[in-house]
Amino acid sequence: MNDIAKSTPARTVGWGLFNDNFDDLFESFFRPSRVAGGVGKGLIPPVDIVETDNEYVVKAELPGVRKDDIDITIQDNVLTINAETRSETEEKEGGRVIRQERQYGKYVRSMRLGGEVDAGKVKAQYKDGVLTLTLPKAEEVKPKKIDVEVA
């Protein structure tokens, strides 16, 4: 053994699962990623969620998805977005695919809402690959202002 090897403590596998990079565990926790990885597997669409006094606004990226392939449900205060994009199976005579990086498959995202939503007044809009949901809060969860009278 050389002198460097003798003076350097042996590196253990440690966390192993995280490839000895504990910081990656926290950084990747908030980063959207594919559920199962690879083309044709489940995908998690990135979302933005904004809460106001009267509503929640959720924006989800669903690139390449047709409006008819989007399904939105609210059950037990959990919002679920299901969508699907299909690969183009166009065959070109004498051609071959050199590289295919676009994602195809099912998008699934569920999130618990902070309060009850008035499901009858939910609005959904889809434009340029972005789904925007406006979820009005139910009256019983909206903040109530109480005026203080001077006696």
N, C-alpha and C. Protein backbone atom coordinates (compact mmCIF):
# COMPACT_ATOMS: atom_id res chain seq x y z
N MET A 1 0.85 -1.18 0.00
CA MET A 1 0.00 0.00 0.00
C MET A 1 0.89 1.24 0.00
N ASN A 2 0.49 2.26 -0.76
CA ASN A 2 1.30 3.47 -0.78
C ASN A 2 0.98 4.37 0.41
N ASP A 3 1.78 5.43 0.61
CA ASP A 3 1.62 6.30 1.78
C ASP A 3 0.29 7.04 1.78
N ILE A 4 -0.21 7.41 0.59
CA ILE A 4 -1.50 8.13 0.51
C ILE A 4 -2.62 7.22 0.97
N ALA A 5 -2.63 6.01 0.52
CA ALA A 5 -3.69 5.07 0.90
C ALA A 5 -3.68 4.81 2.40
N LYS A 6 -2.47 4.79 3.02
CA LYS A 6 -2.39 4.55 4.46
C LYS A 6 -2.93 5.72 5.26
N SER A 7 -2.73 6.96 4.77
CA SER A 7 -3.14 8.13 5.54
C SER A 7 -4.60 8.53 5.28
N THR A 8 -5.20 8.01 4.22
CA THR A 8 -6.59 8.35 3.89
C THR A 8 -7.52 7.33 4.52
N PRO A 9 -8.50 7.79 5.32
CA PRO A 9 -9.41 6.83 5.93
C PRO A 9 -10.22 6.12 4.84
N ALA A 10 -10.53 4.86 5.10
CA ALA A 10 -11.30 4.07 4.13
C ALA A 10 -12.69 4.66 3.99
N ARG A 11 -13.14 4.79 2.78
CA ARG A 11 -14.48 5.33 2.53
C ARG A 11 -15.48 4.20 2.61
N THR A 12 -16.50 4.41 3.38
CA THR A 12 -17.53 3.38 3.53
C THR A 12 -18.68 3.69 2.60
N VAL A 13 -19.50 2.70 2.39
CA VAL A 13 -20.65 2.86 1.50
C VAL A 13 -21.64 3.85 2.11
N GLY A 14 -21.76 3.91 3.40
CA GLY A 14 -22.62 4.89 4.06
C GLY A 14 -24.08 4.74 3.64
N TRP A 15 -24.62 5.83 3.12
CA TRP A 15 -26.02 5.84 2.72
C TRP A 15 -26.28 4.93 1.53
N GLY A 16 -25.30 4.73 0.69
CA GLY A 16 -25.43 3.81 -0.44
C GLY A 16 -26.55 4.16 -1.39
N LEU A 17 -27.76 4.15 -0.89
CA LEU A 17 -28.94 4.44 -1.70
C LEU A 17 -28.84 5.80 -2.36
N PHE A 18 -28.17 6.75 -1.70
CA PHE A 18 -28.07 8.11 -2.21
C PHE A 18 -26.70 8.39 -2.84
N ASN A 19 -25.94 7.33 -3.11
CA ASN A 19 -24.62 7.46 -3.72
C ASN A 19 -23.71 8.38 -2.92
N ASP A 20 -23.78 8.31 -1.60
CA ASP A 20 -22.94 9.09 -0.70
C ASP A 20 -23.07 10.59 -0.88
N ASN A 21 -24.13 11.06 -1.50
CA ASN A 21 -24.32 12.49 -1.66
C ASN A 21 -25.62 12.87 -0.97
N PHE A 22 -25.53 13.11 0.32
CA PHE A 22 -26.72 13.39 1.13
C PHE A 22 -27.45 14.64 0.66
N ASP A 23 -26.71 15.65 0.13
CA ASP A 23 -27.34 16.87 -0.36
C ASP A 23 -28.30 16.59 -1.50
N ASP A 24 -27.98 15.61 -2.36
CA ASP A 24 -28.86 15.27 -3.47
C ASP A 24 -30.22 14.80 -2.98
N LEU A 25 -30.26 14.18 -1.82
CA LEU A 25 -31.53 13.72 -1.27
C LEU A 25 -32.49 14.88 -1.12
N PHE A 26 -32.02 16.00 -0.55
CA PHE A 26 -32.88 17.14 -0.31
C PHE A 26 -33.15 17.94 -1.58
N GLU A 27 -32.14 18.09 -2.44
CA GLU A 27 -32.32 18.83 -3.68
C GLU A 27 -33.32 18.14 -4.60
N SER A 28 -33.25 16.82 -4.70
CA SER A 28 -34.12 16.10 -5.62
C SER A 28 -35.52 15.91 -5.06
N PHE A 29 -35.70 16.10 -3.75
CA PHE A 29 -37.02 15.92 -3.14
C PHE A 29 -38.05 16.87 -3.75
N PHE A 30 -37.64 18.11 -4.04
CA PHE A 30 -38.56 19.11 -4.56
C PHE A 30 -38.56 19.18 -6.08
N ARG A 31 -37.67 18.48 -6.73
CA ARG A 31 -37.57 18.52 -8.19
C ARG A 31 -38.56 17.54 -8.80
N PRO A 32 -39.42 18.00 -9.76
CA PRO A 32 -40.33 17.06 -10.41
C PRO A 32 -39.53 16.01 -11.17
N SER A 33 -40.03 14.81 -11.18
CA SER A 33 -39.35 13.75 -11.91
C SER A 33 -40.36 12.73 -12.39
N ARG A 34 -39.88 11.81 -13.20
CA ARG A 34 -40.74 10.73 -13.67
C ARG A 34 -40.94 9.74 -12.55
N VAL A 35 -42.13 9.17 -12.48
CA VAL A 35 -42.41 8.19 -11.44
C VAL A 35 -41.59 6.93 -11.67
N ALA A 36 -41.69 6.37 -12.87
CA ALA A 36 -41.01 5.12 -13.14
C ALA A 36 -39.87 5.29 -14.14
N GLY A 37 -39.74 6.45 -14.72
CA GLY A 37 -38.66 6.72 -15.66
C GLY A 37 -38.88 6.07 -17.01
N GLY A 38 -38.32 6.69 -18.02
CA GLY A 38 -38.37 6.10 -19.36
C GLY A 38 -39.61 6.48 -20.12
N VAL A 39 -39.54 6.31 -21.41
CA VAL A 39 -40.65 6.62 -22.29
C VAL A 39 -41.79 5.64 -22.02
N GLY A 40 -43.00 6.16 -21.98
CA GLY A 40 -44.17 5.33 -21.79
C GLY A 40 -44.51 5.04 -20.34
N LYS A 41 -43.75 5.56 -19.40
CA LYS A 41 -44.02 5.34 -17.98
C LYS A 41 -44.75 6.55 -17.42
N GLY A 42 -45.17 6.46 -16.14
CA GLY A 42 -45.87 7.56 -15.51
C GLY A 42 -45.01 8.79 -15.34
N LEU A 43 -45.59 9.96 -15.57
CA LEU A 43 -44.88 11.22 -15.45
C LEU A 43 -45.57 12.09 -14.42
N ILE A 44 -44.82 12.91 -13.72
CA ILE A 44 -45.38 13.84 -12.74
C ILE A 44 -45.28 15.23 -13.33
N PRO A 45 -46.42 15.87 -13.64
CA PRO A 45 -46.33 17.22 -14.21
C PRO A 45 -45.95 18.24 -13.13
N PRO A 46 -45.08 19.18 -13.46
CA PRO A 46 -44.76 20.24 -12.50
C PRO A 46 -45.96 21.16 -12.33
N VAL A 47 -46.19 21.64 -11.11
CA VAL A 47 -47.33 22.50 -10.83
C VAL A 47 -46.90 23.73 -10.04
N ASP A 48 -47.70 24.80 -10.20
CA ASP A 48 -47.63 25.99 -9.35
C ASP A 48 -48.97 26.07 -8.65
N ILE A 49 -48.96 26.35 -7.35
CA ILE A 49 -50.21 26.48 -6.59
C ILE A 49 -50.18 27.80 -5.85
N VAL A 50 -51.23 28.59 -6.03
CA VAL A 50 -51.36 29.88 -5.36
C VAL A 50 -52.67 29.86 -4.57
N GLU A 51 -52.60 30.32 -3.33
CA GLU A 51 -53.80 30.41 -2.50
C GLU A 51 -54.10 31.87 -2.21
N THR A 52 -55.35 32.26 -2.41
CA THR A 52 -55.82 33.59 -2.02
C THR A 52 -56.88 33.38 -0.94
N ASP A 53 -57.49 34.47 -0.48
CA ASP A 53 -58.55 34.35 0.52
C ASP A 53 -59.74 33.57 -0.01
N ASN A 54 -59.99 33.65 -1.33
CA ASN A 54 -61.21 33.08 -1.90
C ASN A 54 -61.02 31.82 -2.72
N GLU A 55 -59.78 31.52 -3.15
CA GLU A 55 -59.61 30.39 -4.06
C GLU A 55 -58.18 29.87 -4.08
N TYR A 56 -58.03 28.70 -4.69
CA TYR A 56 -56.74 28.14 -5.04
C TYR A 56 -56.63 28.21 -6.56
N VAL A 57 -55.43 28.51 -7.06
CA VAL A 57 -55.18 28.47 -8.50
C VAL A 57 -54.02 27.51 -8.71
N VAL A 58 -54.28 26.48 -9.51
CA VAL A 58 -53.28 25.45 -9.79
C VAL A 58 -52.95 25.51 -11.27
N LYS A 59 -51.66 25.60 -11.59
CA LYS A 59 -51.21 25.55 -12.98
C LYS A 59 -50.31 24.33 -13.12
N ALA A 60 -50.64 23.47 -14.11
CA ALA A 60 -49.87 22.25 -14.33
C ALA A 60 -49.41 22.20 -15.78
N GLU A 61 -48.16 21.86 -15.99
CA GLU A 61 -47.62 21.72 -17.34
C GLU A 61 -47.95 20.34 -17.86
N LEU A 62 -48.64 20.29 -19.01
CA LEU A 62 -49.01 19.04 -19.65
C LEU A 62 -48.68 19.12 -21.14
N PRO A 63 -47.41 19.17 -21.50
CA PRO A 63 -47.04 19.36 -22.90
C PRO A 63 -47.48 18.19 -23.78
N GLY A 64 -48.02 18.52 -24.94
CA GLY A 64 -48.39 17.50 -25.91
C GLY A 64 -49.68 16.77 -25.61
N VAL A 65 -50.43 17.18 -24.59
CA VAL A 65 -51.67 16.52 -24.21
C VAL A 65 -52.84 17.22 -24.89
N ARG A 66 -53.75 16.43 -25.44
CA ARG A 66 -54.98 17.00 -26.01
C ARG A 66 -55.98 17.26 -24.88
N LYS A 67 -56.81 18.26 -25.06
CA LYS A 67 -57.81 18.62 -24.05
C LYS A 67 -58.68 17.43 -23.66
N ASP A 68 -59.04 16.61 -24.65
CA ASP A 68 -59.91 15.46 -24.39
C ASP A 68 -59.23 14.36 -23.57
N ASP A 69 -57.91 14.42 -23.43
CA ASP A 69 -57.17 13.40 -22.70
C ASP A 69 -56.83 13.84 -21.27
N ILE A 70 -57.52 14.86 -20.77
CA ILE A 70 -57.31 15.36 -19.41
C ILE A 70 -58.51 15.00 -18.55
N ASP A 71 -58.25 14.44 -17.36
CA ASP A 71 -59.31 14.07 -16.43
C ASP A 71 -58.95 14.67 -15.07
N ILE A 72 -59.89 15.44 -14.50
CA ILE A 72 -59.64 16.12 -13.22
C ILE A 72 -60.72 15.68 -12.24
N THR A 73 -60.31 15.27 -11.04
CA THR A 73 -61.28 14.89 -10.01
C THR A 73 -60.90 15.54 -8.68
N ILE A 74 -61.94 15.78 -7.88
CA ILE A 74 -61.75 16.22 -6.49
C ILE A 74 -62.57 15.30 -5.63
N GLN A 75 -61.88 14.60 -4.73
CA GLN A 75 -62.58 13.68 -3.84
C GLN A 75 -61.91 13.72 -2.48
N ASP A 76 -62.69 13.89 -1.44
CA ASP A 76 -62.17 13.96 -0.07
C ASP A 76 -61.05 14.98 0.06
N ASN A 77 -61.24 16.14 -0.58
CA ASN A 77 -60.31 17.26 -0.51
C ASN A 77 -58.96 16.97 -1.18
N VAL A 78 -58.94 15.99 -2.10
CA VAL A 78 -57.73 15.67 -2.85
C VAL A 78 -58.01 15.92 -4.33
N LEU A 79 -57.19 16.79 -4.92
CA LEU A 79 -57.28 17.11 -6.34
C LEU A 79 -56.37 16.13 -7.09
N THR A 80 -56.92 15.49 -8.13
CA THR A 80 -56.12 14.57 -8.94
C THR A 80 -56.23 14.96 -10.40
N ILE A 81 -55.08 15.10 -11.05
CA ILE A 81 -55.02 15.41 -12.47
C ILE A 81 -54.45 14.19 -13.18
N ASN A 82 -55.20 13.64 -14.12
CA ASN A 82 -54.75 12.54 -14.96
C ASN A 82 -54.76 13.03 -16.40
N ALA A 83 -53.72 12.74 -17.14
CA ALA A 83 -53.65 13.13 -18.55
C ALA A 83 -52.77 12.13 -19.27
N GLU A 84 -52.89 12.10 -20.58
CA GLU A 84 -52.09 11.16 -21.35
C GLU A 84 -51.66 11.80 -22.67
N THR A 85 -50.44 11.55 -23.03
CA THR A 85 -49.94 11.97 -24.32
C THR A 85 -49.46 10.71 -25.04
N ARG A 86 -49.78 10.63 -26.30
CA ARG A 86 -49.44 9.43 -27.08
C ARG A 86 -48.31 9.74 -28.05
N SER A 87 -47.48 8.76 -28.29
CA SER A 87 -46.38 8.97 -29.23
C SER A 87 -46.91 8.99 -30.65
N GLU A 88 -46.22 9.73 -31.46
CA GLU A 88 -46.57 9.79 -32.87
C GLU A 88 -45.96 8.56 -33.53
N THR A 89 -46.80 7.79 -34.20
CA THR A 89 -46.32 6.55 -34.81
C THR A 89 -46.22 6.67 -36.32
N GLU A 90 -45.88 7.85 -36.76
CA GLU A 90 -45.76 8.09 -38.19
C GLU A 90 -44.53 7.36 -38.72
N GLU A 91 -44.75 6.52 -39.69
CA GLU A 91 -43.65 5.79 -40.32
C GLU A 91 -43.23 6.54 -41.58
N LYS A 92 -41.97 6.75 -41.72
CA LYS A 92 -41.46 7.41 -42.92
C LYS A 92 -40.76 6.36 -43.76
N GLU A 93 -41.08 6.36 -45.01
CA GLU A 93 -40.50 5.37 -45.91
C GLU A 93 -38.99 5.55 -45.98
N GLY A 94 -38.26 4.51 -45.62
CA GLY A 94 -36.81 4.55 -45.69
C GLY A 94 -36.17 5.34 -44.57
N GLY A 95 -36.95 5.90 -43.63
CA GLY A 95 -36.38 6.70 -42.54
C GLY A 95 -36.30 5.90 -41.26
N ARG A 96 -35.54 6.42 -40.31
CA ARG A 96 -35.45 5.79 -39.00
C ARG A 96 -35.31 6.87 -37.94
N VAL A 97 -35.74 6.55 -36.77
CA VAL A 97 -35.64 7.50 -35.65
C VAL A 97 -34.18 7.49 -35.17
N ILE A 98 -33.56 8.64 -35.17
CA ILE A 98 -32.18 8.77 -34.70
C ILE A 98 -32.15 9.01 -33.19
N ARG A 99 -33.05 9.88 -32.71
CA ARG A 99 -33.10 10.23 -31.29
C ARG A 99 -34.53 10.62 -30.96
N GLN A 100 -35.05 10.15 -29.84
CA GLN A 100 -36.39 10.52 -29.40
C GLN A 100 -36.33 10.89 -27.93
N GLU A 101 -36.47 12.20 -27.65
CA GLU A 101 -36.37 12.70 -26.28
C GLU A 101 -37.70 13.16 -25.71
N ARG A 102 -38.69 13.37 -26.54
CA ARG A 102 -39.97 13.84 -26.02
C ARG A 102 -40.62 12.74 -25.20
N GLN A 103 -41.28 13.14 -24.12
CA GLN A 103 -41.91 12.21 -23.20
C GLN A 103 -43.31 11.84 -23.66
N TYR A 104 -43.64 10.57 -23.56
CA TYR A 104 -44.97 10.08 -23.87
C TYR A 104 -45.41 9.20 -22.71
N GLY A 105 -46.69 9.27 -22.40
CA GLY A 105 -47.20 8.41 -21.34
C GLY A 105 -48.29 9.11 -20.56
N LYS A 106 -48.53 8.60 -19.36
CA LYS A 106 -49.58 9.14 -18.49
C LYS A 106 -48.97 10.11 -17.49
N TYR A 107 -49.64 11.25 -17.35
CA TYR A 107 -49.30 12.21 -16.31
C TYR A 107 -50.28 11.99 -15.17
N VAL A 108 -49.78 11.93 -13.96
CA VAL A 108 -50.65 11.78 -12.79
C VAL A 108 -50.10 12.67 -11.69
N ARG A 109 -50.99 13.46 -11.09
CA ARG A 109 -50.58 14.30 -9.97
C ARG A 109 -51.76 14.43 -9.03
N SER A 110 -51.55 14.12 -7.76
CA SER A 110 -52.57 14.28 -6.73
C SER A 110 -52.01 15.17 -5.64
N MET A 111 -52.87 16.03 -5.11
CA MET A 111 -52.44 16.91 -4.03
C MET A 111 -53.62 17.20 -3.11
N ARG A 112 -53.32 17.21 -1.82
CA ARG A 112 -54.35 17.53 -0.82
C ARG A 112 -54.47 19.04 -0.75
N LEU A 113 -55.71 19.51 -0.81
CA LEU A 113 -55.96 20.95 -0.74
C LEU A 113 -56.03 21.37 0.73
N GLY A 114 -55.69 22.63 1.00
CA GLY A 114 -55.65 23.13 2.36
C GLY A 114 -57.01 23.29 3.01
N GLY A 115 -58.06 23.37 2.22
CA GLY A 115 -59.40 23.55 2.76
C GLY A 115 -60.42 23.05 1.77
N GLU A 116 -61.67 23.04 2.19
CA GLU A 116 -62.75 22.56 1.33
C GLU A 116 -62.92 23.47 0.12
N VAL A 117 -63.23 22.87 -1.01
CA VAL A 117 -63.42 23.58 -2.27
C VAL A 117 -64.88 23.44 -2.69
N ASP A 118 -65.41 24.49 -3.29
CA ASP A 118 -66.76 24.45 -3.84
C ASP A 118 -66.66 23.80 -5.22
N ALA A 119 -66.81 22.47 -5.26
CA ALA A 119 -66.57 21.69 -6.49
C ALA A 119 -67.49 22.11 -7.63
N GLY A 120 -68.65 22.64 -7.33
CA GLY A 120 -69.59 23.06 -8.37
C GLY A 120 -69.14 24.31 -9.12
N LYS A 121 -68.17 25.04 -8.59
CA LYS A 121 -67.71 26.28 -9.22
C LYS A 121 -66.27 26.20 -9.73
N VAL A 122 -65.69 25.01 -9.77
CA VAL A 122 -64.33 24.85 -10.26
C VAL A 122 -64.29 25.14 -11.76
N LYS A 123 -63.26 25.87 -12.19
CA LYS A 123 -63.08 26.18 -13.61
C LYS A 123 -61.74 25.63 -14.07
N ALA A 124 -61.73 25.05 -15.28
CA ALA A 124 -60.50 24.51 -15.85
C ALA A 124 -60.30 25.12 -17.23
N GLN A 125 -59.08 25.55 -17.49
CA GLN A 125 -58.73 26.13 -18.79
C GLN A 125 -57.41 25.51 -19.23
N TYR A 126 -57.31 25.18 -20.51
CA TYR A 126 -56.10 24.55 -21.04
C TYR A 126 -55.63 25.34 -22.26
N LYS A 127 -54.40 25.84 -22.18
CA LYS A 127 -53.87 26.64 -23.28
C LYS A 127 -52.36 26.47 -23.34
N ASP A 128 -51.85 26.23 -24.53
CA ASP A 128 -50.41 26.13 -24.78
C ASP A 128 -49.71 25.14 -23.84
N GLY A 129 -50.36 24.00 -23.58
CA GLY A 129 -49.74 22.97 -22.75
C GLY A 129 -49.80 23.21 -21.26
N VAL A 130 -50.53 24.24 -20.83
CA VAL A 130 -50.66 24.55 -19.40
C VAL A 130 -52.13 24.48 -18.99
N LEU A 131 -52.41 23.63 -18.01
CA LEU A 131 -53.75 23.51 -17.44
C LEU A 131 -53.84 24.45 -16.26
N THR A 132 -54.85 25.33 -16.25
CA THR A 132 -55.08 26.25 -15.14
C THR A 132 -56.41 25.90 -14.49
N LEU A 133 -56.37 25.58 -13.22
CA LEU A 133 -57.57 25.27 -12.45
C LEU A 133 -57.81 26.36 -11.44
N THR A 134 -59.03 26.87 -11.41
CA THR A 134 -59.44 27.84 -10.40
C THR A 134 -60.42 27.12 -9.49
N LEU A 135 -60.04 26.97 -8.23
CA LEU A 135 -60.80 26.19 -7.25
C LEU A 135 -61.31 27.11 -6.15
N PRO A 136 -62.55 27.61 -6.27
CA PRO A 136 -63.08 28.51 -5.22
C PRO A 136 -63.23 27.78 -3.88
N LYS A 137 -62.86 28.46 -2.82
CA LYS A 137 -63.02 27.89 -1.49
C LYS A 137 -64.50 27.88 -1.11
N ALA A 138 -64.88 26.86 -0.36
CA ALA A 138 -66.24 26.79 0.16
C ALA A 138 -66.43 27.92 1.17
N GLU A 139 -67.63 28.41 1.28
CA GLU A 139 -67.93 29.55 2.16
C GLU A 139 -67.48 29.33 3.60
N GLU A 140 -67.62 28.11 4.11
CA GLU A 140 -67.28 27.87 5.52
C GLU A 140 -65.78 27.95 5.81
N VAL A 141 -64.92 27.91 4.79
CA VAL A 141 -63.49 27.99 5.06
C VAL A 141 -62.89 29.35 4.70
N LYS A 142 -63.67 30.23 4.11
CA LYS A 142 -63.17 31.56 3.79
C LYS A 142 -62.98 32.35 5.09
N PRO A 143 -61.93 33.14 5.16
CA PRO A 143 -61.72 33.94 6.37
C PRO A 143 -62.86 34.94 6.55
N LYS A 144 -63.31 35.08 7.78
CA LYS A 144 -64.39 36.02 8.09
C LYS A 144 -63.79 37.20 8.84
N LYS A 145 -64.14 38.39 8.38
CA LYS A 145 -63.66 39.60 9.05
C LYS A 145 -64.70 39.96 10.11
N ILE A 146 -64.22 40.24 11.27
CA ILE A 146 -65.11 40.61 12.38
C ILE A 146 -64.79 42.05 12.76
N ASP A 147 -65.78 42.89 12.64
CA ASP A 147 -65.60 44.30 13.00
C ASP A 147 -65.68 44.46 14.52
N VAL A 148 -64.83 45.30 15.05
CA VAL A 148 -64.81 45.58 16.48
C VAL A 148 -65.51 46.91 16.70
N GLU A 149 -66.52 46.89 17.54
CA GLU A 149 -67.27 48.11 17.83
C GLU A 149 -66.67 48.78 19.06
N VAL A 150 -66.72 50.11 19.06
CA VAL A 150 -66.26 50.87 20.21
C VAL A 150 -67.45 51.07 21.13
N ALA A 151 -67.28 50.71 22.39
CA ALA A 151 -68.40 50.83 23.34
C ALA A 151 -68.30 52.10 24.14
